Amino acid sequence: MKTTIAGLACAFMLVTAAAAAQDKAPAKKIYCWNENGHKVCGDALPADAADAARTEISARTGIAVRSVERAPTDEERAAAADARRQAALDAEAEAAAKRRDLAMVESYATEDDLRRAYGERITLVEESLKTSRLGLANLRQSLLSLLRQAADLELQSKPVNKALTSNILRQHGDLLRQQAILEQQQQDHQSLGSDLEQALARYRALKTPEKATQG
C-alpha cells in the first residue's frame, strides 16, 4: 500500500510540474493581417508585416486575444506632431487670454473705467489716422512732382537721369508702405468698438462671481 501511495504521489507531482511548465511557456499565437487586399495568417509575423494592422489569435483556444492597429506613416506622424504643437499653442493663447481678462478686472474697478480706457485708445488711433492721412497726402504730392519732372524731360526728348528715377521709385515705395499702415490703422479703429463690447461682456462675467461672494 505504501509503495502504491508513493507512486501515485510521485505521478501527481510530475503531472503538476509538467502543467506548471506548460503554463510558464509562452502561449503560441496565430497572426492574421491583410496583404494586397487578402487576409493572411501564420504562426510568425514577417518583417514586412510588422507595421500592418493585425489580429493575434490564441493557437490553443482559437480566440482572438489582441488587436493591433497599423503603425502610422511618416506623414501621419508629422501631422500628429503638428496637431500637438498647434494644440499647445492654442492652449497657451487661451491661458494668455484668461490672464489678460483677470488683469483687466483687477485694473478697472468699474465698467466706466474700462470704457474710459478704450476711449483713450480710440482717441490715440484717431490721432494716428490723422497723421497717416497727412503723411500719405504729402507723399502723393511729392511723387506727383517727381513724375511731372520726368514727364517734362521726356517731352523735351531728354533722358530721365538715374537720380530722378531712384527718387521716383523710393517715393512710390514709401507711398505703398504708408498706405498699408493707414489700412491697418483703419482696421484697428473699426475693431475697437466690437473689442470694447467683448471686453465688457468678459468683464461682467468675471465680476459677477465676485459680487455674489460679497453679497
Protein backbone atom coordinates (compact mmCIF):
# COMPACT_ATOMS: atom_id res chain seq x y z
CA MET A 1 0.00 0.00 0.00
CA LYS A 2 2.80 2.40 0.89
CA THR A 3 4.52 1.83 -2.45
CA THR A 4 1.26 2.46 -4.32
CA ILE A 5 0.56 5.71 -2.48
CA ALA A 6 4.12 6.90 -3.00
CA GLY A 7 3.88 6.09 -6.70
CA LEU A 8 0.64 7.97 -7.05
CA ALA A 9 2.09 10.97 -5.23
CA CYS A 10 5.14 10.94 -7.47
CA ALA A 11 3.00 10.71 -10.59
CA PHE A 12 0.81 13.58 -9.36
CA MET A 13 3.87 15.74 -8.75
CA LEU A 14 5.19 15.00 -12.22
CA VAL A 15 1.85 15.93 -13.81
CA THR A 16 1.66 19.11 -11.74
CA ALA A 17 5.20 20.10 -12.66
CA ALA A 18 4.52 19.46 -16.33
CA ALA A 19 1.34 21.58 -16.18
CA ALA A 20 3.21 24.38 -14.41
CA ALA A 21 5.95 24.29 -17.01
CA GLN A 22 3.34 24.42 -19.72
CA ASP A 23 1.69 27.43 -18.07
CA LYS A 24 5.01 29.24 -17.87
CA ALA A 25 5.83 28.60 -21.53
CA PRO A 26 4.78 31.45 -23.84
CA ALA A 27 1.41 30.82 -25.42
CA LYS A 28 1.60 30.26 -29.15
CA LYS A 29 -0.32 32.68 -31.30
CA ILE A 30 -1.59 32.90 -34.85
CA TYR A 31 -1.19 36.26 -36.61
CA CYS A 32 -3.69 37.42 -39.23
CA TRP A 33 -3.20 40.53 -41.38
CA ASN A 34 -4.18 41.91 -44.79
CA GLU A 35 -1.72 41.69 -47.61
CA ASN A 36 -2.61 43.15 -51.02
CA GLY A 37 -6.29 43.01 -50.11
CA HIS A 38 -6.18 39.38 -48.93
CA LYS A 39 -6.26 38.01 -45.39
CA VAL A 40 -3.07 36.15 -44.49
CA CYS A 41 -2.49 34.12 -41.32
CA GLY A 42 0.61 32.46 -39.92
CA ASP A 43 2.30 31.41 -36.70
CA ALA A 44 5.03 34.04 -37.26
CA LEU A 45 4.82 37.68 -38.29
CA PRO A 46 7.14 38.56 -41.21
CA ALA A 47 9.18 41.75 -41.04
CA ASP A 48 7.27 43.41 -43.89
CA ALA A 49 4.01 42.97 -41.93
CA ALA A 50 5.33 44.32 -38.63
CA ASP A 51 3.63 47.70 -39.16
CA ALA A 52 0.38 46.28 -40.56
CA ALA A 53 -2.89 46.08 -38.65
CA ARG A 54 -3.33 42.56 -37.35
CA THR A 55 -5.27 40.25 -35.09
CA GLU A 56 -3.46 37.88 -32.75
CA ILE A 57 -5.28 34.60 -32.06
CA SER A 58 -4.52 32.02 -29.39
CA ALA A 59 -3.32 28.82 -31.09
CA ARG A 60 -4.72 26.79 -28.18
CA THR A 61 -8.24 28.24 -28.00
CA GLY A 62 -8.70 29.87 -31.40
CA ILE A 63 -9.90 33.06 -29.69
CA ALA A 64 -8.61 36.49 -30.66
CA VAL A 65 -6.52 37.82 -27.77
CA ARG A 66 -5.27 41.09 -29.21
CA SER A 67 -5.96 43.59 -31.97
CA VAL A 68 -3.09 45.81 -33.17
CA GLU A 69 -3.66 48.93 -35.24
CA ARG A 70 -1.34 49.61 -38.14
CA ALA A 71 1.65 51.84 -37.49
CA PRO A 72 1.18 55.43 -38.69
CA THR A 73 3.01 56.62 -41.79
CA ASP A 74 5.69 59.32 -41.65
CA GLU A 75 3.15 61.82 -42.98
CA GLU A 76 0.62 60.85 -40.32
CA ARG A 77 3.23 61.11 -37.57
CA ALA A 78 4.24 64.54 -38.85
CA ALA A 79 0.59 65.63 -38.99
CA ALA A 80 0.01 64.36 -35.45
CA ALA A 81 3.08 66.25 -34.24
CA ASP A 82 1.81 69.41 -35.94
CA ALA A 83 -1.59 68.92 -34.32
CA ARG A 84 0.01 68.55 -30.89
CA ARG A 85 2.07 71.69 -31.41
CA GLN A 86 -1.00 73.63 -32.57
CA ALA A 87 -2.99 72.36 -29.59
CA ALA A 88 -0.22 73.54 -27.28
CA LEU A 89 -0.20 76.96 -28.96
CA ASP A 90 -3.99 77.20 -28.70
CA ALA A 91 -3.87 76.25 -25.03
CA GLU A 92 -1.20 78.87 -24.36
CA ALA A 93 -3.20 81.51 -26.26
CA GLU A 94 -6.29 80.64 -24.21
CA ALA A 95 -4.31 80.82 -20.97
CA ALA A 96 -2.84 84.19 -22.02
CA ALA A 97 -6.33 85.50 -22.80
CA LYS A 98 -7.53 84.42 -19.35
CA ARG A 99 -4.56 86.17 -17.75
CA ARG A 100 -5.37 89.35 -19.68
CA ASP A 101 -9.00 89.17 -18.60
CA LEU A 102 -8.03 88.75 -14.95
CA ALA A 103 -5.61 91.67 -15.25
CA MET A 104 -8.42 93.72 -16.81
CA VAL A 105 -10.73 93.02 -13.88
CA GLU A 106 -8.01 93.92 -11.41
CA SER A 107 -7.04 97.10 -13.30
CA TYR A 108 -10.52 98.61 -13.72
CA ALA A 109 -12.79 98.95 -10.73
CA THR A 110 -15.91 99.71 -12.78
CA GLU A 111 -17.23 99.40 -16.32
CA ASP A 112 -16.90 103.16 -16.71
CA ASP A 113 -13.16 102.86 -16.03
CA LEU A 114 -12.90 100.25 -18.75
CA ARG A 115 -14.90 102.39 -21.18
CA ARG A 116 -12.64 105.37 -20.49
CA ALA A 117 -9.54 103.24 -21.16
CA TYR A 118 -10.96 102.15 -24.50
CA GLY A 119 -11.95 105.73 -25.23
CA GLU A 120 -8.33 106.78 -24.76
CA ARG A 121 -7.20 104.03 -27.13
CA ILE A 122 -9.75 105.11 -29.73
CA THR A 123 -8.52 108.71 -29.43
CA LEU A 124 -4.91 107.62 -29.95
CA VAL A 125 -5.85 105.60 -33.03
CA GLU A 126 -7.83 108.51 -34.46
CA GLU A 127 -4.85 110.83 -33.96
CA SER A 128 -2.62 108.28 -35.69
CA LEU A 129 -5.10 108.14 -38.57
CA LYS A 130 -4.91 111.91 -39.00
CA THR A 131 -1.11 111.80 -39.03
CA SER A 132 -1.04 108.92 -41.51
CA ARG A 133 -3.51 110.61 -43.86
CA LEU A 134 -1.46 113.82 -43.79
CA GLY A 135 1.75 111.91 -44.46
CA LEU A 136 0.11 110.00 -47.29
CA ALA A 137 -1.08 113.23 -48.91
CA ASN A 138 2.42 114.70 -48.69
CA LEU A 139 3.94 111.59 -50.26
CA ARG A 140 1.43 111.74 -53.12
CA GLN A 141 2.26 115.38 -53.80
CA SER A 142 5.98 114.65 -53.72
CA LEU A 143 5.61 111.70 -56.06
CA LEU A 144 3.44 113.71 -58.46
CA SER A 145 6.08 116.43 -58.53
CA LEU A 146 8.80 113.93 -59.40
CA LEU A 147 6.63 112.34 -62.08
CA ARG A 148 5.99 115.78 -63.63
CA GLN A 149 9.73 116.38 -63.76
CA ALA A 150 10.24 113.08 -65.53
CA ALA A 151 7.39 113.85 -67.95
CA ASP A 152 8.82 117.28 -68.76
CA LEU A 153 12.21 115.74 -69.56
CA GLU A 154 10.62 113.18 -71.84
CA LEU A 155 8.61 115.88 -73.61
CA GLN A 156 11.88 117.68 -74.23
CA SER A 157 13.36 114.44 -75.54
CA LYS A 158 15.83 114.46 -72.68
CA PRO A 159 16.75 111.34 -70.71
CA VAL A 160 15.41 110.88 -67.19
CA ASN A 161 18.54 110.79 -65.06
CA LYS A 162 19.28 107.97 -62.64
CA ALA A 163 18.87 110.13 -59.52
CA LEU A 164 15.35 111.19 -60.52
CA THR A 165 14.38 107.62 -61.36
CA SER A 166 15.67 106.42 -57.97
CA ASN A 167 13.73 109.17 -56.20
CA ILE A 168 10.53 108.19 -58.00
CA LEU A 169 10.96 104.53 -57.07
CA ARG A 170 11.76 105.38 -53.45
CA GLN A 171 8.79 107.72 -53.12
CA HIS A 172 6.49 105.13 -54.65
CA GLY A 173 7.71 102.50 -52.16
CA ASP A 174 7.18 104.92 -49.26
CA LEU A 175 3.69 105.65 -50.54
CA LEU A 176 2.77 101.95 -50.65
CA ARG A 177 4.11 101.40 -47.13
CA GLN A 178 2.18 104.37 -45.78
CA GLN A 179 -1.00 103.11 -47.45
CA ALA A 180 -0.54 99.73 -45.74
CA ILE A 181 -0.05 101.44 -42.37
CA LEU A 182 -3.18 103.53 -42.89
CA GLU A 183 -5.24 100.47 -43.82
CA GLN A 184 -4.10 98.66 -40.67
CA GLN A 185 -4.95 101.68 -38.53
CA GLN A 186 -8.41 101.85 -40.09
CA GLN A 187 -8.98 98.18 -39.31
CA ASP A 188 -7.82 98.73 -35.72
CA HIS A 189 -10.19 101.68 -35.39
CA GLN A 190 -13.13 99.66 -36.70
CA SER A 191 -12.41 96.71 -34.42
CA LEU A 192 -12.09 98.77 -31.23
CA GLY A 193 -15.86 99.15 -30.96
CA SER A 194 -16.52 95.41 -31.07
CA ASP A 195 -13.47 94.80 -28.88
CA LEU A 196 -14.98 97.05 -26.22
CA GLU A 197 -18.28 95.18 -26.25
CA GLN A 198 -16.50 91.83 -25.96
CA ALA A 199 -14.29 93.17 -23.17
CA LEU A 200 -17.34 94.41 -21.29
CA ALA A 201 -19.01 91.00 -21.62
CA ARG A 202 -15.93 89.23 -20.22
CA TYR A 203 -15.57 91.88 -17.51
CA ARG A 204 -19.16 91.34 -16.36
CA ALA A 205 -18.79 87.57 -16.41
CA LEU A 206 -15.68 87.73 -14.23
CA LYS A 207 -17.13 90.37 -11.91
CA THR A 208 -20.38 88.51 -11.27
CA PRO A 209 -18.91 85.77 -9.01
CA GLU A 210 -17.07 88.48 -7.08
CA LYS A 211 -20.29 90.41 -6.50
CA ALA A 212 -22.13 87.23 -5.50
CA THR A 213 -19.43 86.45 -2.91
CA GLN A 214 -19.55 89.97 -1.49
CA GLY A 215 -23.34 89.80 -1.29
